[in-house]
Amino acid sequence: MGVLILSYADVEAALPADQCERAMASVLAARARGEAFNPLRSVTTPPGAPGFMGLMPAYAAGAGAAAGAGAHADGAAHADGAAHADGAAHADGAAHADGVFALKAICLLPGNPARGLDTHQGTVTLFDGETGVPIAILNASVVTEIRTAAVTAVATRALAREDARVLAILGAGVQGRSHLRALAGVRPWDEVRLFAPTAEHAHSLAASAPPGMPVALVASSARDAVQGADVVVTATSAKQPVLEHGWLAPGAHINAVGASSPTAMEITTEIVAAAALFCDSRESVGAEAGEYRLALQQGAIPGDGHIRAELGEVLAGTHAGRADAAELTLFRSLGIGVEDLAAAQLAVATARRLGLGTEVEL
């Protein structure tokens, strides 16, 4: 069997938001149990280059690999995030008893939106965990788009109040669109508010809302969108905070998604200090989250102990989530390699079943 090549359209068809959400919950819980692994991503920023490249390797052992592939035949995961015993060792690349390696090589080019392109461009490659033979190569732009929003959906389901009914999304780019889709079924929203600095972009996002998603307001300011919201998503390319602590309602949940380098931040250090902080990776937050690093430097938070838990630890039941209805919770999303691994596994398994993609011999 050759290497399966999946284009943007192939991955989009093979990676439904709801199934990807279940795969993210499974693999993050598997990582918390020690069944999936990834080091901190490495970043290369050549002098004078218009952007940078990130390399994100990952490995999932047998159980973790099966969990990332989606486990149940219908795409559902066990309540504890584990996989079926029969979820291992498929020739189609869905899951392997001996594990799976993955590498995402992603270029971030801030000038791409002006060209009509996603900021993120690259590939995700899967390798057989026993032989190292490449299994599949996928378009990384769409994998990143869908799995990032799917992780936010997992975090919102786990950390937002059960009675959360008002959603605000700041940002109307690729991630704004994917988050609007991914969050549609997480709570029975009564009202969805959108804001982007360019009103035309926000109106375009509103027009793309899934059926039944009650977009009630394209706000004239971030503050108008956020005030009184139960769940807030920041999915922007801002270098300075777009969200202020004083705008937030008691008991709100924040998903900070957009700023992914130590020199950028979407939220204030005041929010970091006031919130119960959750993340996909402690190591990533300490190395890459600009507002967290600044809060440490300013003495606004008491060191690494300020992070309550990784999301996978909450899902695995080893750490507590939200303490009470009045608590402000923050999920700081930076993206980690095992998420790409699990999303790619699911996409490959589905694509093979549906006959998508192109098989090649290397």
Foldseek 3Di string as FASTA:
>chain_A
DFAFEAELVLLVVLFDLVLLLQLVLLLLLCVVVVQKDWDPWDKADDPPDQWIKIKFKMKGAQFSLLLLLQADPVSHAPLLSTHDPPSADDPLLLGHNGIKMKMWIWIAHVPCVVVVDHRIWTWMWIAPNPPRHTHYIYTVRNLCLSLLLSVVLLCCLLFFDQPFAEEEEEDQPSNSLNNLSNNPPSHQHPEYEYEYCDLVSRVVSVVSHDPNSHHDYDDPAPLVRAAPGQEYEYADQAQDARDEPVSHAFQHEYEYRHQQALRGAHYALVLLLQAAEEEQDLVSCCHGHNRVVVCVVVVSHDPSVSHQYYSSCCSNVNGPHDDDRRGYHYYYYNDHDSSSSSSVSNSSVSCVVVVDGDGDHD
